[in-house]
N, C-alpha and C. Protein backbone atom coordinates (compact mmCIF):
# COMPACT_ATOMS: atom_id res chain seq x y z
N UNK A 1 0.83 -1.18 0.00
CA UNK A 1 0.00 0.00 0.00
C UNK A 1 0.88 1.24 0.00
N UNK A 2 0.62 2.13 -0.90
CA UNK A 2 1.42 3.36 -1.00
C UNK A 2 1.00 4.34 0.08
N UNK A 3 1.97 5.08 0.55
CA UNK A 3 1.72 6.09 1.56
C UNK A 3 1.05 7.30 0.90
N UNK A 4 0.07 7.89 1.57
CA UNK A 4 -0.65 9.01 0.97
C UNK A 4 0.18 10.29 0.91
N UNK A 5 1.28 10.33 1.63
CA UNK A 5 2.16 11.50 1.60
C UNK A 5 3.33 11.31 0.63
N UNK A 6 3.42 10.17 -0.03
CA UNK A 6 4.53 9.88 -0.93
C UNK A 6 4.67 10.88 -2.07
N UNK A 7 3.59 11.32 -2.73
CA UNK A 7 3.77 12.32 -3.80
C UNK A 7 4.34 13.64 -3.27
N UNK A 8 3.93 14.02 -2.08
CA UNK A 8 4.45 15.25 -1.47
C UNK A 8 5.94 15.08 -1.12
N UNK A 9 6.31 13.90 -0.62
CA UNK A 9 7.71 13.62 -0.28
C UNK A 9 8.57 13.60 -1.54
N UNK A 10 8.07 13.00 -2.61
CA UNK A 10 8.82 12.95 -3.87
C UNK A 10 9.06 14.35 -4.42
N UNK A 11 8.06 15.21 -4.36
CA UNK A 11 8.21 16.59 -4.82
C UNK A 11 9.19 17.35 -3.93
N UNK A 12 9.17 17.08 -2.64
CA UNK A 12 10.08 17.74 -1.71
C UNK A 12 11.52 17.32 -1.96
N UNK A 13 11.74 16.03 -2.22
CA UNK A 13 13.10 15.55 -2.55
C UNK A 13 13.60 16.16 -3.84
N UNK A 14 12.72 16.26 -4.82
CA UNK A 14 13.11 16.75 -6.13
C UNK A 14 13.45 18.24 -6.12
N UNK A 15 12.59 19.04 -5.53
CA UNK A 15 12.74 20.50 -5.59
C UNK A 15 13.35 21.12 -4.34
N UNK A 16 13.27 20.44 -3.21
CA UNK A 16 13.79 21.01 -1.97
C UNK A 16 12.78 21.87 -1.24
N UNK A 17 11.66 22.18 -1.88
CA UNK A 17 10.60 22.95 -1.23
C UNK A 17 9.27 22.66 -1.91
N UNK A 18 8.21 22.77 -1.15
CA UNK A 18 6.86 22.55 -1.66
C UNK A 18 5.94 23.53 -0.96
N UNK A 19 5.01 24.12 -1.70
CA UNK A 19 3.96 24.94 -1.13
C UNK A 19 2.64 24.27 -1.44
N UNK A 20 1.85 24.04 -0.41
CA UNK A 20 0.59 23.34 -0.59
C UNK A 20 -0.45 23.86 0.39
N UNK A 21 -1.69 23.58 0.11
CA UNK A 21 -2.79 23.95 1.01
C UNK A 21 -3.17 22.74 1.84
N UNK A 22 -3.07 22.90 3.15
CA UNK A 22 -3.42 21.83 4.09
C UNK A 22 -4.32 22.45 5.15
N UNK A 23 -5.45 21.84 5.45
CA UNK A 23 -6.30 22.38 6.52
C UNK A 23 -5.52 22.46 7.84
N UNK A 24 -5.75 23.50 8.59
CA UNK A 24 -4.99 23.77 9.81
C UNK A 24 -4.97 22.58 10.77
N UNK A 25 -6.10 21.90 11.03
CA UNK A 25 -6.04 20.77 11.97
C UNK A 25 -5.18 19.60 11.50
N UNK A 26 -4.89 19.52 10.20
CA UNK A 26 -4.12 18.38 9.66
C UNK A 26 -2.66 18.70 9.39
N UNK A 27 -2.23 19.92 9.60
CA UNK A 27 -0.87 20.31 9.23
C UNK A 27 0.19 19.53 9.98
N UNK A 28 0.07 19.39 11.27
CA UNK A 28 1.08 18.66 12.03
C UNK A 28 1.13 17.19 11.65
N UNK A 29 -0.02 16.62 11.32
CA UNK A 29 -0.08 15.22 10.90
C UNK A 29 0.68 15.02 9.59
N UNK A 30 0.49 15.94 8.66
CA UNK A 30 1.17 15.84 7.36
C UNK A 30 2.68 16.00 7.55
N UNK A 31 3.10 16.95 8.38
CA UNK A 31 4.54 17.15 8.64
C UNK A 31 5.13 15.90 9.29
N UNK A 32 4.44 15.33 10.27
CA UNK A 32 4.93 14.09 10.89
C UNK A 32 5.02 12.96 9.88
N UNK A 33 4.06 12.89 8.97
CA UNK A 33 4.08 11.86 7.92
C UNK A 33 5.28 12.04 7.00
N UNK A 34 5.60 13.30 6.66
CA UNK A 34 6.76 13.57 5.80
C UNK A 34 8.06 13.22 6.52
N UNK A 35 8.14 13.56 7.80
CA UNK A 35 9.34 13.22 8.57
C UNK A 35 9.50 11.70 8.64
N UNK A 36 8.40 11.00 8.83
CA UNK A 36 8.44 9.54 8.87
C UNK A 36 8.93 8.97 7.54
N UNK A 37 8.43 9.50 6.43
CA UNK A 37 8.88 9.04 5.12
C UNK A 37 10.36 9.34 4.92
N UNK A 38 10.81 10.51 5.34
CA UNK A 38 12.23 10.87 5.21
C UNK A 38 13.10 9.88 5.99
N UNK A 39 12.67 9.54 7.18
CA UNK A 39 13.44 8.61 8.01
C UNK A 39 13.43 7.19 7.47
N UNK A 40 12.39 6.79 6.76
CA UNK A 40 12.30 5.43 6.22
C UNK A 40 12.87 5.29 4.82
N UNK A 41 13.15 6.37 4.13
CA UNK A 41 13.63 6.33 2.75
C UNK A 41 15.12 5.96 2.75
N UNK A 42 15.41 4.70 2.50
CA UNK A 42 16.79 4.20 2.58
C UNK A 42 17.68 4.76 1.49
N UNK A 43 17.15 4.92 0.28
CA UNK A 43 17.95 5.47 -0.81
C UNK A 43 18.33 6.92 -0.50
N UNK A 44 17.38 7.69 -0.01
CA UNK A 44 17.65 9.08 0.35
C UNK A 44 18.71 9.15 1.46
N UNK A 45 18.59 8.27 2.45
CA UNK A 45 19.57 8.25 3.54
C UNK A 45 20.97 7.90 3.03
N UNK A 46 21.06 6.94 2.12
CA UNK A 46 22.35 6.53 1.57
C UNK A 46 22.98 7.67 0.78
N UNK A 47 22.19 8.33 -0.06
CA UNK A 47 22.73 9.45 -0.83
C UNK A 47 23.17 10.58 0.09
N UNK A 48 22.42 10.84 1.14
CA UNK A 48 22.78 11.90 2.08
C UNK A 48 24.05 11.54 2.84
N UNK A 49 24.20 10.28 3.23
CA UNK A 49 25.40 9.88 3.97
C UNK A 49 26.64 9.93 3.09
N UNK A 50 26.48 9.60 1.80
CA UNK A 50 27.62 9.71 0.88
C UNK A 50 28.03 11.16 0.68
N UNK A 51 27.07 12.07 0.74
CA UNK A 51 27.37 13.50 0.62
C UNK A 51 27.76 14.11 1.96
N UNK A 52 27.76 13.28 3.01
CA UNK A 52 28.08 13.71 4.38
C UNK A 52 27.18 14.86 4.83
N UNK A 53 25.91 14.70 4.54
CA UNK A 53 24.91 15.69 4.94
C UNK A 53 23.76 15.00 5.62
N UNK A 54 23.06 15.78 6.40
CA UNK A 54 21.80 15.35 6.99
C UNK A 54 20.77 16.38 6.61
N UNK A 55 19.53 15.99 6.61
CA UNK A 55 18.46 16.88 6.20
C UNK A 55 17.40 16.95 7.28
N UNK A 56 16.79 18.11 7.37
CA UNK A 56 15.66 18.24 8.27
C UNK A 56 14.54 18.97 7.56
N UNK A 57 13.33 18.65 7.95
CA UNK A 57 12.16 19.25 7.34
C UNK A 57 11.73 20.45 8.18
N UNK A 58 11.63 21.58 7.52
CA UNK A 58 11.22 22.83 8.17
C UNK A 58 9.98 23.32 7.43
N UNK A 59 9.04 23.87 8.17
CA UNK A 59 7.83 24.37 7.51
C UNK A 59 7.39 25.70 8.09
N UNK A 60 6.70 26.46 7.24
CA UNK A 60 6.14 27.74 7.63
C UNK A 60 4.65 27.67 7.29
N UNK A 61 3.82 27.81 8.31
CA UNK A 61 2.37 27.74 8.10
C UNK A 61 1.81 29.15 8.09
N UNK A 62 1.12 29.48 7.03
CA UNK A 62 0.44 30.77 6.89
C UNK A 62 -1.02 30.46 6.63
N UNK A 63 -1.80 30.35 7.68
CA UNK A 63 -3.19 29.96 7.60
C UNK A 63 -3.25 28.55 7.02
N UNK A 64 -3.97 28.33 5.93
CA UNK A 64 -4.06 26.98 5.37
C UNK A 64 -2.95 26.69 4.37
N UNK A 65 -2.17 27.69 4.01
CA UNK A 65 -1.05 27.48 3.09
C UNK A 65 0.21 27.13 3.88
N UNK A 66 0.87 26.08 3.47
CA UNK A 66 2.07 25.62 4.17
C UNK A 66 3.21 25.53 3.18
N UNK A 67 4.33 26.15 3.55
CA UNK A 67 5.55 26.02 2.76
C UNK A 67 6.47 25.08 3.52
N UNK A 68 6.90 24.03 2.84
CA UNK A 68 7.72 22.98 3.45
C UNK A 68 9.06 22.96 2.74
N UNK A 69 10.14 22.93 3.53
CA UNK A 69 11.50 22.96 3.00
C UNK A 69 12.27 21.75 3.50
N UNK A 70 13.17 21.26 2.67
CA UNK A 70 14.09 20.20 3.04
C UNK A 70 15.46 20.86 3.17
N UNK A 71 15.89 21.11 4.40
CA UNK A 71 17.12 21.87 4.65
C UNK A 71 18.29 20.95 4.97
N UNK A 72 19.39 21.08 4.23
CA UNK A 72 20.58 20.27 4.53
C UNK A 72 21.42 20.93 5.63
N UNK A 73 22.12 20.11 6.37
CA UNK A 73 23.13 20.61 7.28
C UNK A 73 24.24 19.57 7.38
N UNK A 74 25.41 20.02 7.72
CA UNK A 74 26.58 19.14 7.75
C UNK A 74 26.43 18.10 8.86
N UNK A 75 26.76 16.88 8.53
CA UNK A 75 26.78 15.80 9.51
C UNK A 75 28.17 15.76 10.12
N UNK A 76 28.33 16.39 11.26
CA UNK A 76 29.65 16.52 11.89
C UNK A 76 30.22 15.16 12.30
N UNK A 77 29.38 14.18 12.59
CA UNK A 77 29.88 12.88 12.98
C UNK A 77 30.47 12.12 11.80
N UNK A 78 30.13 12.49 10.57
CA UNK A 78 30.65 11.80 9.39
C UNK A 78 31.91 12.44 8.83
N UNK A 79 32.29 13.61 9.34
CA UNK A 79 33.47 14.29 8.83
C UNK A 79 34.74 13.64 9.36
N UNK A 80 35.76 13.64 8.53
CA UNK A 80 37.07 13.14 8.94
C UNK A 80 38.06 14.29 8.91
N UNK A 81 39.27 14.05 9.35
CA UNK A 81 40.29 15.09 9.39
C UNK A 81 40.60 15.59 7.98
N UNK A 82 40.58 14.70 7.01
CA UNK A 82 40.90 15.11 5.64
C UNK A 82 39.81 16.02 5.05
N UNK A 83 38.60 15.95 5.59
CA UNK A 83 37.53 16.82 5.11
C UNK A 83 37.69 18.25 5.59
N UNK A 84 38.41 18.43 6.66
CA UNK A 84 38.56 19.78 7.23
C UNK A 84 39.61 20.50 6.48
């Protein structure tokens, strides 16, 4: 069974940001679903670890419109002396 948030996650991976309309009572549920998909996506995790980056989902809610971003940050535990 496909996850109902998978199309939103695919668009977020592709573009790095998504703007969508989500009813206010469901916004946190959708964000939690996206975080869950990000954590379970093994291919995405492998590509991120090879790039020595980690990603976090950040969102800005403006009434029913939600802007969701996939923000990279350096994975300090994966860096070696030669990387510095």
